[in-house]
Amino acid sequence: MITMLQPSPHKYVAETLFGFSVEKLPCGELPADFFQELPERFSAAELPGYQGDSYFQLEDLNPVHACSLIEPELLENLSMRFPGLVRDCITGLNRIIASLSEHGIHTGVLNIDLSTLFSAEQEKLYLTILRGVAYQLELHSFTLLIPFSVPSASPEIMRQAVLFFRKTLLPWVKLRLDIHAHELNPGFSPEDLAGDLFPEVRSIRFMYLADSGNVLIPEHILPWIASLARYGFRGPCFFAPMASSLNGLPAWISANESLISTLEKDSGVS
């Protein structure tokens, strides 16, 4: 029996873009020049998209993603039973997409919950929103990412998510994986956890409870880089510490910088 040799996951590290996400931090406490002080090993950034015109200084970072384009409280209260609110949401989203594009940001995450797709009403709501912003997405060449959490609550959720993307029929709507690294069992298989969604993935984010002492290690990262690389994915891969304060921020940034350095060193990157 002939066994095909798979390339080492380190092979792809040199081509992967690494970034830092501040969505799960108290962003209001971050200085405007925060991203300018990041180590050079971070080439990408992710920041909340609903903050209006309060943008960070983002020179020399590419790509830049905007996450949570709608305030979570607003999205939770949307329903097809209140069409006026849905129209207002679509109007606001179109305005945000246009504003982000003017600031050079052409990718954003619409924070809808794919685990609710078992409800026909929620699926109709989400499709209505996406079709309502389709023109702005095309006009501004803006990629709208839908998040999918890994591990998901059940394999059925992944199946429903695949069907949902087929129904959108919108080339500007793609997927972002939110990987809760410390919830995965040792020796996990990315293909088993989200393989059916890989062709749609345009961004991944590694989330961890930073103020509880969690840290990311190469074993959290490399399997995803290797699996997605076979679909042409080269990032961005965002590191997203989750914390209620910024007390440990310098240490978290340093740890992630060291992680990138370790990944690059092991892959032979100078």
Foldseek 3Di string as FASTA:
>chain_A
DDDDDADALLQQLVLAAEAAEADQEPVVPDDLANQVPFDPSHQEYEEAQCPPPSHHDQPRHPPYEHEQNDDPVLVVPDFPVCVVSLVVVLVSSLVSCVVCLVVVHQEYEHEDDLQPLVDVRSLVSVLVSLVSNLVSCVVSVHAYEYEDEPQDPDPVSLVSVLVSVVVSPRPRYAYEYEYAQVVDDPPDAPCVRRVVRLLRYAAYEYEYAVVVPDADAVSSPSNVSSSSVVNVHRYDYYYYHRDHHCPCVVVRSVRVVVRSVVSCVVSVHD
